[in-house]
Amino acid sequence: MMRTCILSLVFCTIQLTNAFVSASSTTYHRRVISELRGGYDATIGADPSTPLQFFTMPGNTCPYAQRTHITLQELGLPFDVTEVSGIPKPDWFLSINPRGKVPTLRIPTKNYAVVYESAICNEFLCDYATSLQQEQTLMPSDPFIRATIRLLNDHCDNVFAKTQFTYLMNKEADKDDELCAEMESALNTYEEALVESKGPYLLGDDFTLADVHVFPFIQRLVITLKHYKDYELPSDKFPKLLAWIETCLTRESVKESTMSKEKTIEVYGRFVNNDYKFGGLNKNK
């Protein structure tokens, strides 16, 4: 039986200046971070004129939320960050998103419209930026490129991520080779995309939602599989993918949204020790 935690309110507002990088220019925006732990209306403390509110978990721990964090910064859109913690999620957040998931976006200036699920959030943000007459290359207008991005993203969610977490969480040593091979087969889709596009990104010269979608997972793969499985991506199999990782790591949006190696190991240690299911991605019995 899940114990309901009664959490005291912690509200802190920190003014930060961040660099938001776009393909054409660098724009600077001020953002507000509000950390709210239970029993509070998240509109309090946020600038009511803020176009976007971004709800995420503390410490950049969620790869799904990192996707949207990267997208917001790449587009240079001003936004407030509200960090949500607690299990189960507090009532004030469930009133915003009944699924209790992050990332969630809320748009105060548009009658507090709510958008959630990372892929939907990110496409919405690109469309929103375009509606503001802002040039963006994360989700181009070309229908063939858009379809390619969506297919790569579908591969991440329905093929690759399952192989990654099943291998990581496997406790039967005699299955490791088989599960590792399945993961590498799934990763080969990205190696082939980089060969075909000639890089440096999955679709060529531009950093797109295809890169944004999968990078948080591969970033965590590199750290966790080295620590828990003594596995590293073979350079002879994945030369382009390894170069892509290093290229993505140089982007300011990635730097700002990344948790440290030590924190990653700490967080995933809890998952490994408790046979966490990752929302069904861990396919071990």
Protein backbone atom coordinates (compact mmCIF):
# COMPACT_ATOMS: atom_id res chain seq x y z
CA MET A 1 0.00 0.00 0.00
CA MET A 2 1.43 3.30 -1.06
CA ARG A 3 1.99 5.63 1.83
CA THR A 4 0.69 9.15 1.23
CA CYS A 5 3.33 11.67 2.08
CA ILE A 6 2.32 14.99 3.54
CA LEU A 7 4.98 17.32 2.33
CA SER A 8 5.71 20.76 3.60
CA LEU A 9 5.87 23.62 1.19
CA VAL A 10 9.22 24.59 -0.11
CA PHE A 11 9.14 27.57 -2.38
CA CYS A 12 12.28 29.11 -3.71
CA THR A 13 12.66 31.43 -6.64
CA ILE A 14 16.00 31.81 -8.29
CA GLN A 15 16.69 34.28 -11.05
CA LEU A 16 19.08 32.83 -13.57
CA THR A 17 20.45 34.02 -16.86
CA ASN A 18 20.77 31.24 -19.42
CA ALA A 19 22.05 31.09 -22.96
CA PHE A 20 19.51 29.80 -25.45
CA VAL A 21 21.08 28.64 -28.69
CA SER A 22 19.31 28.65 -32.04
CA ALA A 23 20.61 27.91 -35.49
CA SER A 24 20.89 31.55 -36.42
CA SER A 25 21.65 33.48 -33.25
CA THR A 26 22.17 33.39 -29.51
CA THR A 27 19.39 34.90 -27.37
CA TYR A 28 19.47 35.45 -23.64
CA HIS A 29 16.40 35.06 -21.47
CA ARG A 30 15.81 35.24 -17.76
CA ARG A 31 13.93 32.34 -16.23
CA VAL A 32 12.44 31.60 -12.86
CA ILE A 33 12.79 28.29 -11.07
CA SER A 34 10.05 27.54 -8.57
CA GLU A 35 10.38 24.41 -6.46
CA LEU A 36 7.02 23.37 -5.07
CA ARG A 37 6.57 20.28 -2.95
CA GLY A 38 2.90 19.68 -2.37
CA GLY A 39 -0.27 21.52 -1.44
CA TYR A 40 0.29 24.71 -3.40
CA ASP A 41 -0.99 26.44 -6.50
CA ALA A 42 1.87 26.58 -9.00
CA THR A 43 0.67 29.87 -10.45
CA ILE A 44 1.78 31.67 -7.30
CA GLY A 45 5.27 33.04 -7.74
CA ALA A 46 5.18 32.78 -11.52
CA ASP A 47 5.05 35.89 -13.65
CA PRO A 48 1.46 35.91 -15.01
CA SER A 49 2.74 37.27 -18.31
CA THR A 50 5.10 34.30 -18.77
CA PRO A 51 4.19 32.61 -22.05
CA LEU A 52 5.19 29.12 -20.85
CA GLN A 53 5.42 27.19 -17.60
CA PHE A 54 7.58 24.05 -17.68
CA PHE A 55 6.91 21.39 -15.03
CA THR A 56 9.71 18.90 -14.43
CA MET A 57 11.37 16.82 -11.71
CA PRO A 58 14.15 18.28 -9.56
CA GLY A 59 17.75 17.84 -10.61
CA ASN A 60 17.29 17.11 -14.32
CA THR A 61 16.70 13.46 -13.45
CA CYS A 62 13.98 12.64 -16.00
CA PRO A 63 15.10 11.92 -19.60
CA TYR A 64 11.62 12.68 -20.95
CA ALA A 65 11.60 16.09 -19.31
CA GLN A 66 15.15 16.69 -20.52
CA ARG A 67 13.87 16.42 -24.08
CA THR A 68 11.53 19.35 -23.50
CA HIS A 69 14.09 21.29 -21.48
CA ILE A 70 16.50 21.06 -24.43
CA THR A 71 13.77 22.08 -26.88
CA LEU A 72 12.77 25.15 -24.87
CA GLN A 73 16.34 26.36 -24.74
CA GLU A 74 17.11 25.63 -28.37
CA LEU A 75 14.07 27.66 -29.39
CA GLY A 76 15.00 30.52 -27.07
CA LEU A 77 11.48 30.77 -25.65
CA PRO A 78 11.16 32.48 -22.24
CA PHE A 79 9.75 30.10 -19.64
CA ASP A 80 9.34 29.42 -15.94
CA VAL A 81 10.46 26.11 -14.41
CA THR A 82 8.38 24.46 -11.69
CA GLU A 83 10.00 21.40 -10.13
CA VAL A 84 7.51 18.80 -8.94
CA SER A 85 8.37 16.11 -6.41
CA GLY A 86 6.56 13.58 -4.25
CA ILE A 87 4.98 10.15 -4.71
CA PRO A 88 2.14 10.28 -5.42
CA LYS A 89 2.27 13.64 -7.13
CA PRO A 90 0.64 16.51 -5.17
CA ASP A 91 -2.99 17.38 -5.82
CA TRP A 92 -2.18 20.81 -7.23
CA PHE A 93 -0.14 19.16 -10.00
CA LEU A 94 -2.72 16.44 -10.67
CA SER A 95 -5.25 19.22 -11.21
CA ILE A 96 -2.99 20.49 -14.01
CA ASN A 97 -2.05 17.08 -15.48
CA PRO A 98 -4.21 14.19 -14.19
CA ARG A 99 -1.57 11.70 -15.36
CA GLY A 100 0.91 13.26 -12.97
CA LYS A 101 3.71 13.06 -15.52
CA VAL A 102 6.51 15.35 -16.56
CA PRO A 103 7.21 17.11 -18.77
CA THR A 104 4.09 19.23 -18.69
CA LEU A 105 3.67 22.66 -20.24
CA ARG A 106 1.10 25.28 -19.28
CA ILE A 107 0.49 28.48 -21.20
CA PRO A 108 -0.95 31.17 -18.87
CA THR A 109 -1.47 33.68 -21.65
CA LYS A 110 -3.59 31.15 -23.62
CA ASN A 111 -6.21 30.49 -20.97
CA TYR A 112 -3.82 28.16 -19.11
CA ALA A 113 -3.82 25.54 -21.86
CA VAL A 114 -1.93 22.38 -20.86
CA VAL A 115 0.27 20.15 -23.04
CA TYR A 116 2.01 16.98 -21.89
CA GLU A 117 3.95 13.92 -23.17
CA SER A 118 7.45 14.85 -24.33
CA ALA A 119 7.07 14.22 -28.07
CA ILE A 120 3.81 16.22 -28.15
CA CYS A 121 5.32 18.99 -26.02
CA ASN A 122 8.30 19.33 -28.33
CA GLU A 123 6.32 19.45 -31.57
CA PHE A 124 3.95 21.93 -29.95
CA LEU A 125 6.88 24.15 -28.96
CA CYS A 126 8.23 24.13 -32.52
CA ASP A 127 4.80 25.00 -33.90
CA TYR A 128 4.38 27.65 -31.20
CA ALA A 129 7.72 29.23 -32.12
CA THR A 130 6.75 29.19 -35.79
CA SER A 131 3.42 30.86 -34.95
CA LEU A 132 5.46 33.66 -33.37
CA GLN A 133 7.24 34.13 -36.71
CA GLN A 134 10.40 32.61 -35.26
CA GLU A 135 12.65 30.58 -37.52
CA GLN A 136 13.42 27.12 -36.16
CA THR A 137 15.04 23.99 -37.58
CA LEU A 138 14.18 21.48 -34.85
CA MET A 139 11.04 20.41 -36.74
CA PRO A 140 11.28 21.59 -40.36
CA SER A 141 8.22 22.16 -42.54
CA ASP A 142 9.24 19.55 -45.15
CA PRO A 143 6.79 16.62 -44.72
CA PHE A 144 9.40 13.99 -45.59
CA ILE A 145 11.85 15.29 -43.00
CA ARG A 146 9.06 15.49 -40.41
CA ALA A 147 8.10 11.87 -41.13
CA THR A 148 11.74 10.78 -40.81
CA ILE A 149 12.01 12.51 -37.44
CA ARG A 150 8.83 10.84 -36.21
CA LEU A 151 9.96 7.41 -37.40
CA LEU A 152 13.31 7.77 -35.61
CA ASN A 153 11.49 8.92 -32.48
CA ASP A 154 9.10 5.97 -32.69
CA HIS A 155 12.12 3.66 -32.94
CA CYS A 156 13.53 5.21 -29.78
CA ASP A 157 10.33 4.78 -27.78
CA ASN A 158 9.21 1.38 -29.03
CA VAL A 159 12.45 -0.45 -29.83
CA PHE A 160 15.69 1.07 -28.53
CA ALA A 161 14.62 2.20 -25.04
CA LYS A 162 13.23 -1.26 -24.26
CA THR A 163 16.50 -2.95 -25.23
CA GLN A 164 18.54 -0.43 -23.23
CA PHE A 165 16.67 -0.84 -19.97
CA THR A 166 16.18 -4.61 -20.32
CA TYR A 167 19.94 -5.05 -20.70
CA LEU A 168 20.73 -2.67 -17.86
CA MET A 169 18.30 -4.35 -15.45
CA ASN A 170 19.09 -7.97 -16.36
CA LYS A 171 20.37 -10.00 -13.39
CA GLU A 172 20.97 -13.27 -15.27
CA ALA A 173 24.57 -13.22 -16.54
CA ASP A 174 23.96 -15.87 -19.20
CA LYS A 175 21.46 -13.54 -20.92
CA ASP A 176 23.72 -10.48 -21.05
CA ASP A 177 25.31 -11.21 -24.43
CA GLU A 178 21.94 -11.74 -26.10
CA LEU A 179 20.41 -8.61 -24.57
CA CYS A 180 23.47 -6.54 -25.41
CA ALA A 181 23.30 -7.70 -29.03
CA GLU A 182 19.63 -6.68 -29.20
CA MET A 183 20.49 -3.24 -27.86
CA GLU A 184 23.34 -2.79 -30.34
CA SER A 185 21.03 -3.82 -33.17
CA ALA A 186 18.59 -1.10 -32.09
CA LEU A 187 21.41 1.44 -31.81
CA ASN A 188 22.58 0.60 -35.31
CA THR A 189 19.56 2.49 -36.68
CA TYR A 190 21.19 5.69 -35.43
CA GLU A 191 24.62 4.76 -36.75
CA GLU A 192 23.07 4.15 -40.18
CA ALA A 193 21.16 7.45 -40.03
CA LEU A 194 24.38 9.33 -39.30
CA VAL A 195 26.20 7.57 -42.17
CA GLU A 196 23.36 8.39 -44.57
CA SER A 197 23.00 12.02 -43.48
CA LYS A 198 26.78 12.54 -43.29
CA GLY A 199 26.23 14.12 -39.86
CA PRO A 200 27.09 15.71 -37.59
CA TYR A 201 23.45 15.17 -36.54
CA LEU A 202 20.96 12.44 -37.33
CA LEU A 203 19.43 14.34 -40.25
CA GLY A 204 22.56 16.19 -41.35
CA ASP A 205 23.72 19.70 -40.53
CA ASP A 206 20.78 20.69 -38.32
CA PHE A 207 20.10 19.61 -34.75
CA THR A 208 16.47 18.39 -34.86
CA LEU A 209 13.87 16.75 -32.66
CA ALA A 210 15.29 13.39 -33.74
CA ASP A 211 18.50 14.25 -31.85
CA VAL A 212 16.60 15.80 -28.95
CA HIS A 213 14.37 12.75 -28.55
CA VAL A 214 17.03 10.05 -28.22
CA PHE A 215 20.00 11.91 -26.76
CA PRO A 216 18.90 11.85 -23.07
CA PHE A 217 18.62 8.06 -23.26
CA ILE A 218 21.96 7.48 -24.96
CA GLN A 219 23.58 9.94 -22.57
CA ARG A 220 22.34 7.83 -19.66
CA LEU A 221 23.25 4.59 -21.44
CA VAL A 222 26.92 5.60 -21.71
CA ILE A 223 27.15 6.32 -17.98
CA THR A 224 25.00 3.55 -16.50
CA LEU A 225 26.15 0.64 -18.65
CA LYS A 226 29.80 1.48 -18.03
CA HIS A 227 29.17 1.55 -14.28
CA TYR A 228 26.79 -1.41 -13.91
CA LYS A 229 27.76 -3.67 -16.85
CA ASP A 230 31.32 -2.55 -17.64
CA TYR A 231 30.05 -1.94 -21.18
CA GLU A 232 31.17 0.77 -23.58
CA LEU A 233 29.92 1.45 -27.08
CA PRO A 234 32.45 -0.26 -29.40
CA SER A 235 34.22 2.32 -31.54
CA ASP A 236 34.47 -0.09 -34.47
CA LYS A 237 30.68 -0.55 -34.52
CA PHE A 238 29.57 2.97 -33.65
CA PRO A 239 32.17 5.53 -34.78
CA LYS A 240 29.54 8.00 -36.03
CA LEU A 241 27.34 7.59 -32.99
CA LEU A 242 30.23 8.22 -30.61
CA ALA A 243 31.16 11.37 -32.53
CA TRP A 244 27.49 12.45 -32.43
CA ILE A 245 27.42 12.05 -28.64
CA GLU A 246 30.44 14.32 -28.26
CA THR A 247 28.93 16.89 -30.63
CA CYS A 248 25.62 16.97 -28.74
CA LEU A 249 27.42 17.35 -25.42
CA THR A 250 28.89 20.67 -26.60
CA ARG A 251 25.48 22.29 -27.04
CA GLU A 252 24.52 24.76 -24.33
CA SER A 253 20.98 23.36 -24.18
CA VAL A 254 22.39 19.93 -23.36
CA LYS A 255 24.84 21.25 -20.78
CA GLU A 256 22.10 23.17 -18.99
CA SER A 257 19.70 20.20 -18.88
CA THR A 258 22.18 17.47 -17.91
CA MET A 259 22.60 15.90 -14.47
CA SER A 260 26.12 14.96 -13.39
CA LYS A 261 27.68 11.55 -13.92
CA GLU A 262 27.68 10.98 -10.16
CA LYS A 263 24.01 11.90 -9.86
CA THR A 264 23.12 9.64 -12.79
CA ILE A 265 24.83 6.67 -11.13
CA GLU A 266 23.12 7.45 -7.83
CA VAL A 267 19.64 7.72 -9.38
CA TYR A 268 19.98 4.59 -11.50
CA GLY A 269 21.45 2.69 -8.57
CA ARG A 270 18.03 2.90 -6.93
CA PHE A 271 16.41 1.54 -10.08
CA VAL A 272 18.86 -1.34 -10.45
CA ASN A 273 18.56 -2.34 -6.80
CA ASN A 274 14.76 -2.34 -6.90
CA ASP A 275 14.17 -4.00 -10.31
CA TYR A 276 12.42 -0.87 -11.53
CA LYS A 277 10.17 -1.47 -14.55
CA PHE A 278 10.66 1.94 -16.24
CA GLY A 279 7.01 2.10 -17.21
CA GLY A 280 7.21 -1.27 -18.96
CA LEU A 281 10.51 -0.65 -20.77
CA ASN A 282 12.29 -3.23 -18.59
CA LYS A 283 11.18 -6.53 -20.18
CA ASN A 284 12.90 -8.85 -17.72
CA LYS A 285 10.51 -11.30 -16.05
